[in-house]
Amino acid sequence: MIIYNVTINVEDASHHAWLKWMRNEHIPAVLSTGLFSGYRVCRLLDVEDEGATYSIQYSLNSMVEYAEYREKHAPRLQKETQDKFGDKFTAFRTLMEVVE
């Protein structure tokens, strides 16, 4: 199994609107691609950054699905987030393989 992890730090003033939008719009749009088998939203604790930091972990069955997502869907979905929240957040992405 592959985990596509997006770690996001959101400024305090936008935090609640961002989380609501993620739950109601962005995550459902990602899942509607049909490429992911599930997801998990985690809030990071003991983070010294200002704002709230989250890890959104999307599950995929293969790297082929990930490649399709990156090519066909990611640019549009990332642009929607940027258009909605601009400089109110920072994000970085990592890819992991479940070994046990």
PDB file of N, CA and C in Angstrom:
ATOM      1  N   MET A   1       0.844  -1.171   0.000  1.00  0.00           N
ATOM      2  CA  MET A   1       0.000   0.000   0.000  1.00  0.00           C
ATOM      3  C   MET A   1       0.895   1.242   0.000  1.00  0.00           C
ATOM      4  N   ILE A   2       0.452   2.265  -0.695  1.00  0.00           N
ATOM      5  CA  ILE A   2       1.153   3.538  -0.803  1.00  0.00           C
ATOM      6  C   ILE A   2       0.354   4.584  -0.019  1.00  0.00           C
ATOM      7  N   ILE A   3       1.072   5.425   0.718  1.00  0.00           N
ATOM      8  CA  ILE A   3       0.452   6.538   1.430  1.00  0.00           C
ATOM      9  C   ILE A   3       0.970   7.837   0.806  1.00  0.00           C
ATOM     10  N   TYR A   4       0.050   8.626   0.309  1.00  0.00           N
ATOM     11  CA  TYR A   4       0.360   9.960  -0.196  1.00  0.00           C
ATOM     12  C   TYR A   4       0.035  10.919   0.945  1.00  0.00           C
ATOM     13  N   ASN A   5       1.060  11.491   1.539  1.00  0.00           N
ATOM     14  CA  ASN A   5       0.910  12.324   2.723  1.00  0.00           C
ATOM     15  C   ASN A   5       1.084  13.793   2.352  1.00  0.00           C
ATOM     16  N   VAL A   6       0.125  14.605   2.775  1.00  0.00           N
ATOM     17  CA  VAL A   6       0.218  16.050   2.581  1.00  0.00           C
ATOM     18  C   VAL A   6       0.230  16.678   3.969  1.00  0.00           C
ATOM     19  N   THR A   7       1.342  17.332   4.307  1.00  0.00           N
ATOM     20  CA  THR A   7       1.458  18.013   5.588  1.00  0.00           C
ATOM     21  C   THR A   7       1.236  19.499   5.338  1.00  0.00           C
ATOM     22  N   ILE A   8       0.316  20.075   6.108  1.00  0.00           N
ATOM     23  CA  ILE A   8      -0.110  21.448   5.864  1.00  0.00           C
ATOM     24  C   ILE A   8      -0.113  22.227   7.175  1.00  0.00           C
ATOM     25  N   ASN A   9       0.489  23.412   7.147  1.00  0.00           N
ATOM     26  CA  ASN A   9       0.405  24.336   8.273  1.00  0.00           C
ATOM     27  C   ASN A   9      -0.496  25.484   7.834  1.00  0.00           C
ATOM     28  N   VAL A  10      -1.546  25.737   8.623  1.00  0.00           N
ATOM     29  CA  VAL A  10      -2.539  26.765   8.298  1.00  0.00           C
ATOM     30  C   VAL A  10      -2.512  27.826   9.393  1.00  0.00           C
ATOM     31  N   GLU A  11      -2.524  29.076   9.000  1.00  0.00           N
ATOM     32  CA  GLU A  11      -2.517  30.142  10.000  1.00  0.00           C
ATOM     33  C   GLU A  11      -3.776  30.064  10.863  1.00  0.00           C
ATOM     34  N   ASP A  12      -3.638  30.490  12.105  1.00  0.00           N
ATOM     35  CA  ASP A  12      -4.731  30.373  13.076  1.00  0.00           C
ATOM     36  C   ASP A  12      -6.031  31.014  12.605  1.00  0.00           C
ATOM     37  N   ALA A  13      -5.960  32.191  12.005  1.00  0.00           N
ATOM     38  CA  ALA A  13      -7.173  32.914  11.602  1.00  0.00           C
ATOM     39  C   ALA A  13      -7.971  32.176  10.533  1.00  0.00           C
ATOM     40  N   SER A  14      -7.324  31.325   9.744  1.00  0.00           N
ATOM     41  CA  SER A  14      -7.998  30.605   8.652  1.00  0.00           C
ATOM     42  C   SER A  14      -8.245  29.128   8.969  1.00  0.00           C
ATOM     43  N   HIS A  15      -7.771  28.693  10.103  1.00  0.00           N
ATOM     44  CA  HIS A  15      -7.765  27.278  10.447  1.00  0.00           C
ATOM     45  C   HIS A  15      -9.146  26.618  10.352  1.00  0.00           C
ATOM     46  N   HIS A  16     -10.159  27.200  10.970  1.00  0.00           N
ATOM     47  CA  HIS A  16     -11.483  26.561  11.000  1.00  0.00           C
ATOM     48  C   HIS A  16     -12.122  26.522   9.605  1.00  0.00           C
ATOM     49  N   ALA A  17     -11.987  27.594   8.851  1.00  0.00           N
ATOM     50  CA  ALA A  17     -12.537  27.618   7.485  1.00  0.00           C
ATOM     51  C   ALA A  17     -11.815  26.612   6.606  1.00  0.00           C
ATOM     52  N   TRP A  18     -10.498  26.513   6.763  1.00  0.00           N
ATOM     53  CA  TRP A  18      -9.715  25.561   5.975  1.00  0.00           C
ATOM     54  C   TRP A  18     -10.140  24.130   6.280  1.00  0.00           C
ATOM     55  N   LEU A  19     -10.253  23.782   7.561  1.00  0.00           N
ATOM     56  CA  LEU A  19     -10.619  22.415   7.938  1.00  0.00           C
ATOM     57  C   LEU A  19     -12.019  22.066   7.442  1.00  0.00           C
ATOM     58  N   LYS A  20     -12.948  22.980   7.552  1.00  0.00           N
ATOM     59  CA  LYS A  20     -14.305  22.746   7.040  1.00  0.00           C
ATOM     60  C   LYS A  20     -14.276  22.524   5.533  1.00  0.00           C
ATOM     61  N   TRP A  21     -13.521  23.354   4.812  1.00  0.00           N
ATOM     62  CA  TRP A  21     -13.419  23.208   3.362  1.00  0.00           C
ATOM     63  C   TRP A  21     -12.775  21.880   2.983  1.00  0.00           C
ATOM     64  N   MET A  22     -11.729  21.500   3.711  1.00  0.00           N
ATOM     65  CA  MET A  22     -11.077  20.218   3.437  1.00  0.00           C
ATOM     66  C   MET A  22     -12.060  19.066   3.600  1.00  0.00           C
ATOM     67  N   ARG A  23     -12.777  19.052   4.699  1.00  0.00           N
ATOM     68  CA  ARG A  23     -13.726  17.960   4.985  1.00  0.00           C
ATOM     69  C   ARG A  23     -14.883  17.911   3.994  1.00  0.00           C
ATOM     70  N   ASN A  24     -15.393  19.082   3.627  1.00  0.00           N
ATOM     71  CA  ASN A  24     -16.611  19.132   2.818  1.00  0.00           C
ATOM     72  C   ASN A  24     -16.389  19.214   1.314  1.00  0.00           C
ATOM     73  N   GLU A  25     -15.219  19.697   0.904  1.00  0.00           N
ATOM     74  CA  GLU A  25     -14.996  19.897  -0.525  1.00  0.00           C
ATOM     75  C   GLU A  25     -13.735  19.216  -1.060  1.00  0.00           C
ATOM     76  N   HIS A  26     -12.584  19.565  -0.477  1.00  0.00           N
ATOM     77  CA  HIS A  26     -11.328  19.098  -1.067  1.00  0.00           C
ATOM     78  C   HIS A  26     -11.146  17.576  -0.959  1.00  0.00           C
ATOM     79  N   ILE A  27     -11.251  17.031   0.228  1.00  0.00           N
ATOM     80  CA  ILE A  27     -11.060  15.582   0.382  1.00  0.00           C
ATOM     81  C   ILE A  27     -12.078  14.804  -0.445  1.00  0.00           C
ATOM     82  N   PRO A  28     -13.373  15.168  -0.427  1.00  0.00           N
ATOM     83  CA  PRO A  28     -14.307  14.453  -1.319  1.00  0.00           C
ATOM     84  C   PRO A  28     -13.914  14.553  -2.799  1.00  0.00           C
ATOM     85  N   ALA A  29     -13.359  15.695  -3.221  1.00  0.00           N
ATOM     86  CA  ALA A  29     -12.924  15.832  -4.619  1.00  0.00           C
ATOM     87  C   ALA A  29     -11.744  14.908  -4.912  1.00  0.00           C
ATOM     88  N   VAL A  30     -10.801  14.801  -3.979  1.00  0.00           N
ATOM     89  CA  VAL A  30      -9.673  13.888  -4.159  1.00  0.00           C
ATOM     90  C   VAL A  30     -10.185  12.446  -4.255  1.00  0.00           C
ATOM     91  N   LEU A  31     -11.065  12.073  -3.357  1.00  0.00           N
ATOM     92  CA  LEU A  31     -11.586  10.695  -3.360  1.00  0.00           C
ATOM     93  C   LEU A  31     -12.430  10.406  -4.598  1.00  0.00           C
ATOM     94  N   SER A  32     -13.078  11.431  -5.141  1.00  0.00           N
ATOM     95  CA  SER A  32     -13.926  11.215  -6.323  1.00  0.00           C
ATOM     96  C   SER A  32     -13.123  10.852  -7.568  1.00  0.00           C
ATOM     97  N   THR A  33     -11.797  10.985  -7.517  1.00  0.00           N
ATOM     98  CA  THR A  33     -10.971  10.547  -8.644  1.00  0.00           C
ATOM     99  C   THR A  33     -11.037   9.032  -8.810  1.00  0.00           C
ATOM    100  N   GLY A  34     -11.444   8.316  -7.753  1.00  0.00           N
ATOM    101  CA  GLY A  34     -11.519   6.863  -7.802  1.00  0.00           C
ATOM    102  C   GLY A  34     -10.176   6.166  -7.644  1.00  0.00           C
ATOM    103  N   LEU A  35      -9.137   6.906  -7.335  1.00  0.00           N
ATOM    104  CA  LEU A  35      -7.791   6.333  -7.249  1.00  0.00           C
ATOM    105  C   LEU A  35      -7.368   5.986  -5.829  1.00  0.00           C
ATOM    106  N   PHE A  36      -8.082   6.509  -4.838  1.00  0.00           N
ATOM    107  CA  PHE A  36      -7.697   6.314  -3.443  1.00  0.00           C
ATOM    108  C   PHE A  36      -8.651   5.348  -2.748  1.00  0.00           C
ATOM    109  N   SER A  37      -8.091   4.538  -1.855  1.00  0.00           N
ATOM    110  CA  SER A  37      -8.914   3.571  -1.125  1.00  0.00           C
ATOM    111  C   SER A  37      -9.322   4.080   0.253  1.00  0.00           C
ATOM    112  N   GLY A  38      -8.800   5.215   0.675  1.00  0.00           N
ATOM    113  CA  GLY A  38      -9.165   5.784   1.960  1.00  0.00           C
ATOM    114  C   GLY A  38      -8.281   6.960   2.309  1.00  0.00           C
ATOM    115  N   TYR A  39      -8.541   7.537   3.481  1.00  0.00           N
ATOM    116  CA  TYR A  39      -7.754   8.679   3.934  1.00  0.00           C
ATOM    117  C   TYR A  39      -7.846   8.780   5.447  1.00  0.00           C
ATOM    118  N   ARG A  40      -6.955   9.582   6.000  1.00  0.00           N
ATOM    119  CA  ARG A  40      -6.945   9.876   7.434  1.00  0.00           C
ATOM    120  C   ARG A  40      -6.466  11.311   7.600  1.00  0.00           C
ATOM    121  N   VAL A  41      -7.109  12.052   8.490  1.00  0.00           N
ATOM    122  CA  VAL A  41      -6.689  13.404   8.812  1.00  0.00           C
ATOM    123  C   VAL A  41      -6.151  13.391  10.239  1.00  0.00           C
ATOM    124  N   CYS A  42      -4.917  13.836  10.413  1.00  0.00           N
ATOM    125  CA  CYS A  42      -4.279  13.883  11.727  1.00  0.00           C
ATOM    126  C   CYS A  42      -3.814  15.308  12.004  1.00  0.00           C
ATOM    127  N   ARG A  43      -3.963  15.734  13.246  1.00  0.00           N
ATOM    128  CA  ARG A  43      -3.403  17.028  13.650  1.00  0.00           C
ATOM    129  C   ARG A  43      -2.102  16.755  14.389  1.00  0.00           C
ATOM    130  N   LEU A  44      -1.054  17.436  13.991  1.00  0.00           N
ATOM    131  CA  LEU A  44       0.239  17.245  14.632  1.00  0.00           C
ATOM    132  C   LEU A  44       0.249  17.938  15.990  1.00  0.00           C
ATOM    133  N   LEU A  45       0.808  17.261  16.968  1.00  0.00           N
ATOM    134  CA  LEU A  45       0.959  17.793  18.313  1.00  0.00           C
ATOM    135  C   LEU A  45       2.413  18.175  18.532  1.00  0.00           C
ATOM    136  N   ASP A  46       2.661  19.002  19.511  1.00  0.00           N
ATOM    137  CA  ASP A  46       4.029  19.398  19.848  1.00  0.00           C
ATOM    138  C   ASP A  46       4.765  20.033  18.678  1.00  0.00           C
ATOM    139  N   VAL A  47       4.059  20.851  17.924  1.00  0.00           N
ATOM    140  CA  VAL A  47       4.659  21.550  16.793  1.00  0.00           C
ATOM    141  C   VAL A  47       4.940  22.986  17.224  1.00  0.00           C
ATOM    142  N   GLU A  48       6.132  23.460  16.974  1.00  0.00           N
ATOM    143  CA  GLU A  48       6.513  24.800  17.406  1.00  0.00           C
ATOM    144  C   GLU A  48       6.101  25.884  16.417  1.00  0.00           C
ATOM    145  N   ASP A  49       5.663  25.499  15.222  1.00  0.00           N
ATOM    146  CA  ASP A  49       5.215  26.481  14.240  1.00  0.00           C
ATOM    147  C   ASP A  49       3.955  27.179  14.737  1.00  0.00           C
ATOM    148  N   GLU A  50       3.758  28.395  14.287  1.00  0.00           N
ATOM    149  CA  GLU A  50       2.496  29.071  14.558  1.00  0.00           C
ATOM    150  C   GLU A  50       1.438  28.465  13.662  1.00  0.00           C
ATOM    151  N   GLY A  51       0.187  28.532  14.071  1.00  0.00           N
ATOM    152  CA  GLY A  51      -0.898  27.968  13.295  1.00  0.00           C
ATOM    153  C   GLY A  51      -1.106  26.514  13.649  1.00  0.00           C
ATOM    154  N   ALA A  52      -1.975  25.861  12.894  1.00  0.00           N
ATOM    155  CA  ALA A  52      -2.297  24.449  13.092  1.00  0.00           C
ATOM    156  C   ALA A  52      -1.650  23.639  11.976  1.00  0.00           C
ATOM    157  N   THR A  53      -1.091  22.495  12.343  1.00  0.00           N
ATOM    158  CA  THR A  53      -0.428  21.644  11.355  1.00  0.00           C
ATOM    159  C   THR A  53      -1.148  20.301  11.284  1.00  0.00           C
ATOM    160  N   TYR A  54      -1.449  19.891  10.050  1.00  0.00           N
ATOM    161  CA  TYR A  54      -2.171  18.645   9.797  1.00  0.00           C
ATOM    162  C   TYR A  54      -1.388  17.760   8.841  1.00  0.00           C
ATOM    163  N   SER A  55      -1.642  16.472   8.967  1.00  0.00           N
ATOM    164  CA  SER A  55      -1.163  15.486   8.013  1.00  0.00           C
ATOM    165  C   SER A  55      -2.394  14.794   7.451  1.00  0.00           C
ATOM    166  N   ILE A  56      -2.558  14.898   6.158  1.00  0.00           N
ATOM    167  CA  ILE A  56      -3.659  14.185   5.494  1.00  0.00           C
ATOM    168  C   ILE A  56      -3.024  13.047   4.721  1.00  0.00           C
ATOM    169  N   GLN A  57      -3.416  11.842   5.065  1.00  0.00           N
ATOM    170  CA  GLN A  57      -2.812  10.640   4.499  1.00  0.00           C
ATOM    171  C   GLN A  57      -3.837   9.923   3.627  1.00  0.00           C
ATOM    172  N   TYR A  58      -3.560   9.894   2.332  1.00  0.00           N
ATOM    173  CA  TYR A  58      -4.431   9.227   1.365  1.00  0.00           C
ATOM    174  C   TYR A  58      -3.820   7.874   1.011  1.00  0.00           C
ATOM    175  N   SER A  59      -4.621   6.829   1.002  1.00  0.00           N
ATOM    176  CA  SER A  59      -4.150   5.472   0.694  1.00  0.00           C
ATOM    177  C   SER A  59      -4.391   5.138  -0.769  1.00  0.00           C
ATOM    178  N   LEU A  60      -3.372   4.545  -1.392  1.00  0.00           N
ATOM    179  CA  LEU A  60      -3.463   4.060  -2.768  1.00  0.00           C
ATOM    180  C   LEU A  60      -2.970   2.625  -2.805  1.00  0.00           C
ATOM    181  N   ASN A  61      -3.414   1.886  -3.794  1.00  0.00           N
ATOM    182  CA  ASN A  61      -2.976   0.502  -3.926  1.00  0.00           C
ATOM    183  C   ASN A  61      -1.667   0.356  -4.675  1.00  0.00           C
ATOM    184  N   SER A  62      -1.313   1.351  -5.512  1.00  0.00           N
ATOM    185  CA  SER A  62      -0.110   1.178  -6.332  1.00  0.00           C
ATOM    186  C   SER A  62       0.470   2.525  -6.759  1.00  0.00           C
ATOM    187  N   MET A  63       1.701   2.473  -7.212  1.00  0.00           N
ATOM    188  CA  MET A  63       2.355   3.659  -7.757  1.00  0.00           C
ATOM    189  C   MET A  63       1.722   4.078  -9.083  1.00  0.00           C
ATOM    190  N   VAL A  64       1.128   3.148  -9.782  1.00  0.00           N
ATOM    191  CA  VAL A  64       0.433   3.478 -11.032  1.00  0.00           C
ATOM    192  C   VAL A  64      -0.718   4.439 -10.736  1.00  0.00           C
ATOM    193  N   GLU A  65      -1.479   4.165  -9.679  1.00  0.00           N
ATOM    194  CA  GLU A  65      -2.567   5.060  -9.290  1.00  0.00           C
ATOM    195  C   GLU A  65      -2.030   6.429  -8.880  1.00  0.00           C
ATOM    196  N   TYR A  66      -0.928   6.437  -8.150  1.00  0.00           N
ATOM    197  CA  TYR A  66      -0.329   7.705  -7.738  1.00  0.00           C
ATOM    198  C   TYR A  66       0.095   8.519  -8.967  1.00  0.00           C
ATOM    199  N   ALA A  67       0.731   7.870  -9.911  1.00  0.00           N
ATOM    200  CA  ALA A  67       1.179   8.560 -11.126  1.00  0.00           C
ATOM    201  C   ALA A  67      -0.018   9.149 -11.879  1.00  0.00           C
ATOM    202  N   GLU A  68      -1.095   8.405 -11.949  1.00  0.00           N
ATOM    203  CA  GLU A  68      -2.298   8.909 -12.618  1.00  0.00           C
ATOM    204  C   GLU A  68      -2.861  10.119 -11.879  1.00  0.00           C
ATOM    205  N   TYR A  69      -2.901  10.040 -10.567  1.00  0.00           N
ATOM    206  CA  TYR A  69      -3.380  11.170  -9.769  1.00  0.00           C
ATOM    207  C   TYR A  69      -2.513  12.406 -10.021  1.00  0.00           C
ATOM    208  N   ARG A  70      -1.194  12.254  -9.939  1.00  0.00           N
ATOM    209  CA  ARG A  70      -0.273  13.382 -10.123  1.00  0.00           C
ATOM    210  C   ARG A  70      -0.433  14.008 -11.512  1.00  0.00           C
ATOM    211  N   GLU A  71      -0.630  13.174 -12.517  1.00  0.00           N
ATOM    212  CA  GLU A  71      -0.717  13.676 -13.887  1.00  0.00           C
ATOM    213  C   GLU A  71      -2.068  14.307 -14.204  1.00  0.00           C
ATOM    214  N   LYS A  72      -3.153  13.648 -13.805  1.00  0.00           N
ATOM    215  CA  LYS A  72      -4.486  14.053 -14.254  1.00  0.00           C
ATOM    216  C   LYS A  72      -5.259  14.932 -13.275  1.00  0.00           C
ATOM    217  N   HIS A  73      -4.941  14.873 -11.978  1.00  0.00           N
ATOM    218  CA  HIS A  73      -5.801  15.530 -10.996  1.00  0.00           C
ATOM    219  C   HIS A  73      -5.097  16.516 -10.061  1.00  0.00           C
ATOM    220  N   ALA A  74      -3.872  16.210  -9.664  1.00  0.00           N
ATOM    221  CA  ALA A  74      -3.192  17.019  -8.648  1.00  0.00           C
ATOM    222  C   ALA A  74      -3.070  18.496  -9.014  1.00  0.00           C
ATOM    223  N   PRO A  75      -2.663  18.845 -10.223  1.00  0.00           N
ATOM    224  CA  PRO A  75      -2.509  20.279 -10.524  1.00  0.00           C
ATOM    225  C   PRO A  75      -3.806  21.074 -10.301  1.00  0.00           C
ATOM    226  N   ARG A  76      -4.908  20.542 -10.748  1.00  0.00           N
ATOM    227  CA  ARG A  76      -6.200  21.233 -10.591  1.00  0.00           C
ATOM    228  C   ARG A  76      -6.587  21.349  -9.119  1.00  0.00           C
ATOM    229  N   LEU A  77      -6.460  20.256  -8.376  1.00  0.00           N
ATOM    230  CA  LEU A  77      -6.859  20.260  -6.972  1.00  0.00           C
ATOM    231  C   LEU A  77      -5.947  21.156  -6.131  1.00  0.00           C
ATOM    232  N   GLN A  78      -4.669  21.167  -6.427  1.00  0.00           N
ATOM    233  CA  GLN A  78      -3.749  22.040  -5.703  1.00  0.00           C
ATOM    234  C   GLN A  78      -4.023  23.505  -6.030  1.00  0.00           C
ATOM    235  N   LYS A  79      -4.369  23.787  -7.270  1.00  0.00           N
ATOM    236  CA  LYS A  79      -4.697  25.161  -7.661  1.00  0.00           C
ATOM    237  C   LYS A  79      -5.952  25.642  -6.944  1.00  0.00           C
ATOM    238  N   GLU A  80      -6.947  24.770  -6.813  1.00  0.00           N
ATOM    239  CA  GLU A  80      -8.167  25.148  -6.093  1.00  0.00           C
ATOM    240  C   GLU A  80      -7.845  25.552  -4.656  1.00  0.00           C
ATOM    241  N   THR A  81      -6.972  24.796  -4.002  1.00  0.00           N
ATOM    242  CA  THR A  81      -6.584  25.119  -2.630  1.00  0.00           C
ATOM    243  C   THR A  81      -5.843  26.449  -2.594  1.00  0.00           C
ATOM    244  N   GLN A  82      -4.924  26.642  -3.522  1.00  0.00           N
ATOM    245  CA  GLN A  82      -4.170  27.896  -3.584  1.00  0.00           C
ATOM    246  C   GLN A  82      -5.099  29.073  -3.841  1.00  0.00           C
ATOM    247  N   ASP A  83      -6.045  28.911  -4.762  1.00  0.00           N
ATOM    248  CA  ASP A  83      -6.984  29.987  -5.074  1.00  0.00           C
ATOM    249  C   ASP A  83      -7.852  30.336  -3.863  1.00  0.00           C
ATOM    250  N   LYS A  84      -8.222  29.346  -3.093  1.00  0.00           N
ATOM    251  CA  LYS A  84      -9.114  29.546  -1.946  1.00  0.00           C
ATOM    252  C   LYS A  84      -8.383  30.156  -0.747  1.00  0.00           C
ATOM    253  N   PHE A  85      -7.154  29.699  -0.470  1.00  0.00           N
ATOM    254  CA  PHE A  85      -6.476  30.104   0.765  1.00  0.00           C
ATOM    255  C   PHE A  85      -5.168  30.864   0.566  1.00  0.00           C
ATOM    256  N   GLY A  86      -4.716  31.001  -0.655  1.00  0.00           N
ATOM    257  CA  GLY A  86      -3.554  31.828  -0.959  1.00  0.00           C
ATOM    258  C   GLY A  86      -2.367  31.587  -0.052  1.00  0.00           C
ATOM    259  N   ASP A  87      -1.909  32.645   0.596  1.00  0.00           N
ATOM    260  CA  ASP A  87      -0.725  32.551   1.452  1.00  0.00           C
ATOM    261  C   ASP A  87      -1.063  32.224   2.908  1.00  0.00           C
ATOM    262  N   LYS A  88      -2.243  31.707   3.152  1.00  0.00           N
ATOM    263  CA  LYS A  88      -2.677  31.371   4.505  1.00  0.00           C
ATOM    264  C   LYS A  88      -2.178  30.000   4.960  1.00  0.00           C
ATOM    265  N   PHE A  89      -1.474  29.285   4.084  1.00  0.00           N
ATOM    266  CA  PHE A  89      -0.999  27.945   4.420  1.00  0.00           C
ATOM    267  C   PHE A  89       0.302  27.656   3.685  1.00  0.00           C
ATOM    268  N   THR A  90       1.003  26.657   4.190  1.00  0.00           N
ATOM    269  CA  THR A  90       2.133  26.074   3.482  1.00  0.00           C
ATOM    270  C   THR A  90       1.934  24.563   3.491  1.00  0.00           C
ATOM    271  N   ALA A  91       2.408  23.900   2.458  1.00  0.00           N
ATOM    272  CA  ALA A  91       2.219  22.457   2.348  1.00  0.00           C
ATOM    273  C   ALA A  91       3.451  21.800   1.757  1.00  0.00           C
ATOM    274  N   PHE A  92       3.676  20.558   2.182  1.00  0.00           N
ATOM    275  CA  PHE A  92       4.656  19.732   1.500  1.00  0.00           C
ATOM    276  C   PHE A  92       4.122  18.309   1.448  1.00  0.00           C
ATOM    277  N   ARG A  93       4.572  17.596   0.453  1.00  0.00           N
ATOM    278  CA  ARG A  93       4.040  16.272   0.164  1.00  0.00           C
ATOM    279  C   ARG A  93       5.134  15.223   0.260  1.00  0.00           C
ATOM    280  N   THR A  94       4.760  14.054   0.786  1.00  0.00           N
ATOM    281  CA  THR A  94       5.677  12.924   0.856  1.00  0.00           C
ATOM    282  C   THR A  94       4.940  11.670   0.419  1.00  0.00           C
ATOM    283  N   LEU A  95       5.696  10.709  -0.029  1.00  0.00           N
ATOM    284  CA  LEU A  95       5.151   9.445  -0.483  1.00  0.00           C
ATOM    285  C   LEU A  95       5.777   8.337   0.355  1.00  0.00           C
ATOM    286  N   MET A  96       4.951   7.461   0.882  1.00  0.00           N
ATOM    287  CA  MET A  96       5.443   6.395   1.749  1.00  0.00           C
ATOM    288  C   MET A  96       4.878   5.053   1.297  1.00  0.00           C
ATOM    289  N   GLU A  97       5.616   4.016   1.605  1.00  0.00           N
ATOM    290  CA  GLU A  97       5.158   2.651   1.342  1.00  0.00           C
ATOM    291  C   GLU A  97       4.964   1.954   2.689  1.00  0.00           C
ATOM    292  N   VAL A  98       3.812   1.330   2.881  1.00  0.00           N
ATOM    293  CA  VAL A  98       3.556   0.567   4.095  1.00  0.00           C
ATOM    294  C   VAL A  98       4.315  -0.748   3.961  1.00  0.00           C
ATOM    295  N   VAL A  99       5.170  -1.050   4.942  1.00  0.00           N
ATOM    296  CA  VAL A  99       5.979  -2.282   4.884  1.00  0.00           C
ATOM    297  C   VAL A  99       5.499  -3.334   5.865  1.00  0.00           C
ATOM    298  N   GLU A 100       4.711  -2.985   6.831  1.00  0.00           N
ATOM    299  CA  GLU A 100       4.134  -3.966   7.765  1.00  0.00           C
ATOM    300  C   GLU A 100       2.714  -3.627   8.074  1.00  0.00           C
TER     301      GLU A 100
END
